[in-house]
N, C-alpha and C. Protein backbone atom coordinates (compact mmCIF):
# COMPACT_ATOMS: atom_id res chain seq x y z
N MET A 1 78.71 -5.50 254.88
CA MET A 1 78.93 -6.19 253.78
C MET A 1 80.30 -6.51 253.41
N ILE A 2 81.26 -5.40 253.62
CA ILE A 2 82.53 -5.74 253.32
C ILE A 2 83.20 -6.59 254.46
N GLN A 3 82.69 -6.62 255.61
CA GLN A 3 83.29 -7.39 256.69
C GLN A 3 82.86 -8.89 256.50
N ILE A 4 81.77 -9.04 255.89
CA ILE A 4 81.22 -10.52 255.71
C ILE A 4 82.08 -11.07 254.52
N LEU A 5 82.30 -10.25 253.41
CA LEU A 5 83.14 -10.73 252.35
C LEU A 5 84.56 -11.13 252.82
N ALA A 6 85.03 -10.19 253.70
CA ALA A 6 86.43 -10.31 254.31
C ALA A 6 86.66 -11.62 254.92
N LEU A 7 85.57 -11.96 255.76
CA LEU A 7 85.42 -13.17 256.83
C LEU A 7 85.26 -14.31 255.74
N LEU A 8 84.45 -14.16 254.74
CA LEU A 8 84.42 -15.47 253.80
C LEU A 8 85.64 -15.58 253.23
N GLY A 9 86.26 -14.61 252.64
CA GLY A 9 87.69 -14.86 251.98
C GLY A 9 88.61 -15.30 252.84
N GLY A 10 88.66 -14.96 253.99
CA GLY A 10 89.65 -15.54 254.92
C GLY A 10 89.49 -17.11 255.17
N ILE A 11 88.14 -17.22 255.53
CA ILE A 11 87.89 -18.82 255.62
C ILE A 11 88.12 -19.52 254.32
N ALA A 12 87.96 -19.05 253.17
CA ALA A 12 88.28 -19.78 251.92
C ALA A 12 89.73 -19.95 251.85
N ILE A 13 90.55 -18.83 252.08
CA ILE A 13 92.08 -19.04 252.04
C ILE A 13 92.56 -20.01 253.18
N ALA A 14 91.89 -20.06 254.45
CA ALA A 14 92.27 -20.93 255.51
C ALA A 14 91.85 -22.33 255.26
N ALA A 15 90.83 -22.65 254.50
CA ALA A 15 90.43 -24.09 254.09
C ALA A 15 91.47 -24.61 252.96
N GLY A 16 91.85 -23.60 252.19
CA GLY A 16 92.71 -23.92 250.98
C GLY A 16 94.12 -24.15 251.47
N VAL A 17 94.63 -23.41 252.53
CA VAL A 17 95.95 -23.62 253.23
C VAL A 17 95.77 -24.83 253.97
N PHE A 18 94.80 -25.17 254.73
CA PHE A 18 94.96 -26.41 255.40
C PHE A 18 94.93 -27.60 254.57
N SER A 19 94.21 -27.77 253.43
CA SER A 19 94.22 -28.73 252.37
C SER A 19 95.69 -28.87 251.87
N ALA A 20 96.08 -27.70 251.52
CA ALA A 20 97.52 -27.74 250.98
C ALA A 20 98.54 -28.27 252.10
N PHE A 21 98.47 -27.79 253.16
CA PHE A 21 99.25 -28.28 254.21
C PHE A 21 99.20 -29.95 254.45
N LEU A 22 97.92 -30.43 254.35
CA LEU A 22 97.78 -31.93 254.46
C LEU A 22 98.56 -32.62 253.22
N TRP A 23 98.32 -31.94 252.07
CA TRP A 23 98.96 -32.45 250.72
C TRP A 23 100.49 -32.63 250.94
N SER A 24 101.10 -31.41 251.42
CA SER A 24 102.64 -31.24 251.62
C SER A 24 103.07 -32.35 252.67
N ALA A 25 102.26 -32.57 253.74
CA ALA A 25 102.71 -33.59 254.64
C ALA A 25 102.79 -34.92 254.07
N TYR A 26 101.58 -35.17 253.22
CA TYR A 26 101.59 -36.47 252.45
C TYR A 26 102.83 -36.64 251.61
N GLN A 27 103.14 -35.56 250.79
CA GLN A 27 104.22 -35.50 249.91
C GLN A 27 105.71 -35.63 250.45
N ILE A 28 105.78 -35.52 251.80
CA ILE A 28 107.02 -35.45 252.55
C ILE A 28 107.29 -36.85 252.58
N VAL A 29 106.34 -37.85 252.81
CA VAL A 29 106.47 -39.20 252.85
C VAL A 29 106.58 -39.90 251.33
N MET A 30 105.82 -39.44 250.43
CA MET A 30 105.67 -40.14 249.13
C MET A 30 106.70 -39.55 248.09
N ALA A 31 107.07 -38.25 248.20
CA ALA A 31 107.81 -37.77 247.04
C ALA A 31 109.34 -37.99 247.28
N ARG A 32 110.19 -37.82 246.23
CA ARG A 32 111.66 -37.80 246.50
C ARG A 32 112.36 -36.53 246.21
N GLY A 33 113.48 -36.69 246.50
CA GLY A 33 114.45 -35.52 245.88
C GLY A 33 114.09 -34.11 246.36
N SER A 34 114.21 -33.19 245.42
CA SER A 34 113.95 -31.78 245.86
C SER A 34 112.58 -31.51 246.29
N LEU A 35 111.54 -32.17 245.51
CA LEU A 35 110.27 -32.04 245.82
C LEU A 35 109.88 -32.33 247.30
N ARG A 36 110.45 -33.51 247.70
CA ARG A 36 110.26 -33.76 249.18
C ARG A 36 110.68 -32.53 250.00
N PHE A 37 111.91 -32.10 249.86
CA PHE A 37 112.43 -31.00 250.60
C PHE A 37 111.55 -29.72 250.46
N CYS A 38 111.21 -29.36 249.32
CA CYS A 38 110.17 -28.16 249.13
C CYS A 38 109.01 -28.44 249.91
N HIS A 39 108.40 -29.63 249.99
CA HIS A 39 107.20 -29.70 250.68
C HIS A 39 107.56 -29.64 252.41
N ALA A 40 108.70 -30.23 252.61
CA ALA A 40 108.99 -30.16 254.01
C ALA A 40 109.17 -28.67 254.49
N ALA A 41 109.63 -27.82 253.62
CA ALA A 41 109.82 -26.29 253.92
C ALA A 41 108.32 -25.83 254.01
N LEU A 42 107.56 -26.19 253.10
CA LEU A 42 106.06 -25.62 253.08
C LEU A 42 105.40 -25.98 254.30
N VAL A 43 105.50 -27.25 254.77
CA VAL A 43 104.85 -27.68 256.04
C VAL A 43 105.38 -26.61 257.17
N VAL A 44 106.72 -26.64 257.39
CA VAL A 44 107.32 -25.87 258.47
C VAL A 44 106.88 -24.54 258.42
N LEU A 45 107.00 -23.86 257.21
CA LEU A 45 106.63 -22.38 257.21
C LEU A 45 105.07 -22.19 257.31
N THR A 46 104.25 -23.11 256.90
CA THR A 46 102.88 -22.96 257.11
C THR A 46 102.60 -23.03 258.52
N VAL A 47 103.11 -23.87 259.40
CA VAL A 47 102.91 -24.00 260.67
C VAL A 47 103.51 -22.74 261.35
N ALA A 48 104.79 -22.18 260.95
CA ALA A 48 105.17 -21.05 261.60
C ALA A 48 104.48 -19.76 261.09
N GLY A 49 103.74 -19.68 260.10
CA GLY A 49 102.88 -18.77 259.75
C GLY A 49 101.73 -18.60 260.54
N MET A 50 101.23 -19.80 260.85
CA MET A 50 100.00 -19.89 261.73
C MET A 50 100.29 -19.45 263.14
N ALA A 51 101.43 -20.04 263.71
CA ALA A 51 101.97 -19.53 264.86
C ALA A 51 102.20 -18.06 265.00
N SER A 52 102.78 -17.56 264.00
CA SER A 52 102.90 -16.01 264.16
C SER A 52 101.54 -15.27 264.14
N LEU A 53 100.46 -15.85 263.37
CA LEU A 53 99.13 -15.12 263.57
C LEU A 53 98.72 -15.40 264.92
N GLN A 54 98.98 -16.55 265.68
CA GLN A 54 98.43 -16.75 266.99
C GLN A 54 99.08 -15.89 267.96
N ALA A 55 100.45 -15.65 267.83
CA ALA A 55 101.18 -14.82 268.60
C ALA A 55 101.04 -13.41 268.26
N ALA A 56 100.41 -13.03 267.27
CA ALA A 56 100.16 -11.50 266.78
C ALA A 56 101.51 -10.89 266.45
N GLU A 57 102.47 -11.58 265.84
CA GLU A 57 103.71 -10.95 265.70
C GLU A 57 103.71 -10.54 264.22
N ALA A 58 103.54 -9.32 263.84
CA ALA A 58 103.47 -8.99 262.40
C ALA A 58 104.71 -9.03 261.87
N ASN A 59 105.85 -8.74 262.51
CA ASN A 59 107.15 -8.74 261.92
C ASN A 59 107.59 -10.01 261.48
N LEU A 60 107.40 -11.03 262.45
CA LEU A 60 107.76 -12.36 262.13
C LEU A 60 107.05 -12.91 260.96
N ALA A 61 105.72 -12.59 261.20
CA ALA A 61 104.57 -13.02 259.95
C ALA A 61 105.05 -12.59 258.62
N GLY A 62 105.67 -11.57 258.56
CA GLY A 62 106.19 -10.98 257.29
C GLY A 62 107.40 -11.73 256.71
N LEU A 63 108.38 -12.07 257.69
CA LEU A 63 109.43 -12.84 257.28
C LEU A 63 109.10 -14.22 256.88
N VAL A 64 108.14 -14.85 257.61
CA VAL A 64 107.62 -16.38 257.34
C VAL A 64 106.88 -16.15 256.03
N GLY A 65 106.18 -15.13 255.88
CA GLY A 65 105.42 -14.99 254.54
C GLY A 65 106.30 -15.01 253.29
N ALA A 66 107.52 -14.30 253.39
CA ALA A 66 108.37 -14.15 252.34
C ALA A 66 108.86 -15.64 252.06
N GLY A 67 109.33 -16.19 253.04
CA GLY A 67 109.98 -17.50 253.02
C GLY A 67 108.88 -18.54 252.41
N LEU A 68 107.58 -18.64 252.89
CA LEU A 68 106.51 -19.37 252.40
C LEU A 68 106.20 -19.04 251.03
N LEU A 69 106.21 -17.80 250.47
CA LEU A 69 106.08 -17.44 249.21
C LEU A 69 107.08 -18.11 248.36
N ALA A 70 108.39 -18.00 248.62
CA ALA A 70 109.39 -18.62 247.96
C ALA A 70 109.35 -20.10 247.88
N ALA A 71 109.00 -20.59 248.91
CA ALA A 71 108.98 -22.11 249.06
C ALA A 71 107.76 -22.58 248.07
N ALA A 72 106.70 -21.82 248.12
CA ALA A 72 105.53 -22.18 247.29
C ALA A 72 105.71 -22.00 245.81
N LEU A 73 106.48 -20.94 245.33
CA LEU A 73 106.79 -20.93 244.14
C LEU A 73 107.62 -21.93 243.57
N ALA A 74 108.65 -22.45 244.45
CA ALA A 74 109.34 -23.63 244.06
C ALA A 74 108.54 -24.87 244.02
N GLY A 75 107.50 -24.77 244.74
CA GLY A 75 106.52 -26.04 244.74
C GLY A 75 105.68 -26.01 243.47
N ILE A 76 105.25 -24.98 243.23
CA ILE A 76 104.49 -24.66 241.92
C ILE A 76 105.30 -25.19 240.62
N VAL A 77 106.66 -24.94 240.51
CA VAL A 77 107.61 -25.28 239.52
C VAL A 77 107.71 -26.80 239.68
N LEU A 78 108.00 -27.38 240.71
CA LEU A 78 108.31 -28.89 240.93
C LEU A 78 107.11 -29.71 240.80
N GLU A 79 105.87 -29.23 241.05
CA GLU A 79 104.80 -30.13 240.97
C GLU A 79 104.27 -30.22 239.57
N THR A 80 103.49 -31.25 239.43
CA THR A 80 102.92 -31.49 238.05
C THR A 80 101.31 -31.53 238.12
N ARG A 81 100.88 -31.14 237.02
CA ARG A 81 99.40 -31.09 236.66
C ARG A 81 98.54 -30.44 237.81
N TRP A 82 97.47 -30.96 238.43
CA TRP A 82 96.59 -30.19 239.20
C TRP A 82 97.17 -29.96 240.58
N SER A 83 98.09 -30.69 241.02
CA SER A 83 98.62 -30.49 242.39
C SER A 83 99.58 -29.14 242.50
N ARG A 84 99.68 -28.45 241.30
CA ARG A 84 100.42 -27.25 241.34
C ARG A 84 99.47 -26.15 242.06
N LEU A 85 98.12 -26.45 242.00
CA LEU A 85 97.26 -25.50 242.65
C LEU A 85 97.32 -25.31 244.33
N LEU A 86 97.93 -26.62 244.76
CA LEU A 86 97.94 -26.58 246.33
C LEU A 86 99.09 -25.64 246.80
N PRO A 87 100.34 -25.54 246.20
CA PRO A 87 101.49 -24.65 246.56
C PRO A 87 100.97 -23.32 246.14
N ALA A 88 99.96 -23.10 245.12
CA ALA A 88 99.76 -21.89 244.93
C ALA A 88 98.81 -21.17 246.15
N LEU A 89 97.82 -22.12 246.62
CA LEU A 89 97.12 -21.67 247.99
C LEU A 89 98.15 -21.07 249.06
N GLN A 90 99.12 -21.91 249.12
CA GLN A 90 100.10 -21.55 250.20
C GLN A 90 100.85 -20.18 249.80
N ALA A 91 101.17 -19.98 248.47
CA ALA A 91 101.75 -18.71 248.03
C ALA A 91 100.70 -17.53 248.32
N VAL A 92 99.46 -17.77 248.11
CA VAL A 92 98.54 -16.68 248.53
C VAL A 92 98.61 -16.50 250.03
N PHE A 93 98.74 -17.48 250.88
CA PHE A 93 98.97 -17.29 252.37
C PHE A 93 100.03 -16.55 252.53
N GLY A 94 101.32 -16.86 251.94
CA GLY A 94 102.62 -16.06 252.24
C GLY A 94 102.41 -14.66 251.86
N VAL A 95 101.72 -14.36 250.65
CA VAL A 95 101.55 -12.96 250.26
C VAL A 95 100.63 -12.03 251.37
N ALA A 96 99.73 -12.97 251.84
CA ALA A 96 98.74 -12.26 252.91
C ALA A 96 99.59 -12.11 254.19
N LEU A 97 100.72 -12.93 254.56
CA LEU A 97 101.41 -12.63 255.57
C LEU A 97 102.32 -11.58 255.42
N PHE A 98 102.97 -11.59 254.24
CA PHE A 98 104.06 -10.66 254.04
C PHE A 98 103.53 -9.17 253.87
N ILE A 99 102.26 -8.94 253.34
CA ILE A 99 101.83 -7.75 253.24
C ILE A 99 101.04 -7.37 254.63
N GLY A 100 101.11 -8.25 255.43
CA GLY A 100 100.39 -7.85 256.78
C GLY A 100 99.01 -7.76 256.75
N LEU A 101 98.33 -8.44 255.84
CA LEU A 101 96.75 -8.58 255.71
C LEU A 101 96.05 -8.94 257.01
N PRO A 102 96.45 -9.96 257.66
CA PRO A 102 95.78 -10.46 258.86
C PRO A 102 95.86 -9.37 260.07
N PHE A 103 96.76 -8.49 259.89
CA PHE A 103 96.87 -7.48 260.98
C PHE A 103 96.46 -6.10 260.70
N SER A 104 95.84 -6.01 259.72
CA SER A 104 95.38 -4.56 259.30
C SER A 104 93.85 -4.49 259.72
């Protein structure tokens, strides 16, 4: 039962991170100033986090997770209204990478 809940939680986080990734890619084109750079960092760090999972590099994932968390917190501050939720999903992914959750 616990394994099923963990699997469903992982799927929910992955779906949220993918939608946040697409929003960030869109904002790179549409936004201006510091918000654009923040979303560019979110895109690069999200891809790096996914790559570190694929390569099974726990130490690299921790570093990328810390960077992703910092960029996501900046995104939460810079975004407005409902779109603050999407960097929050990337922050959850950053925390999961930082604490090594996918490797436990």
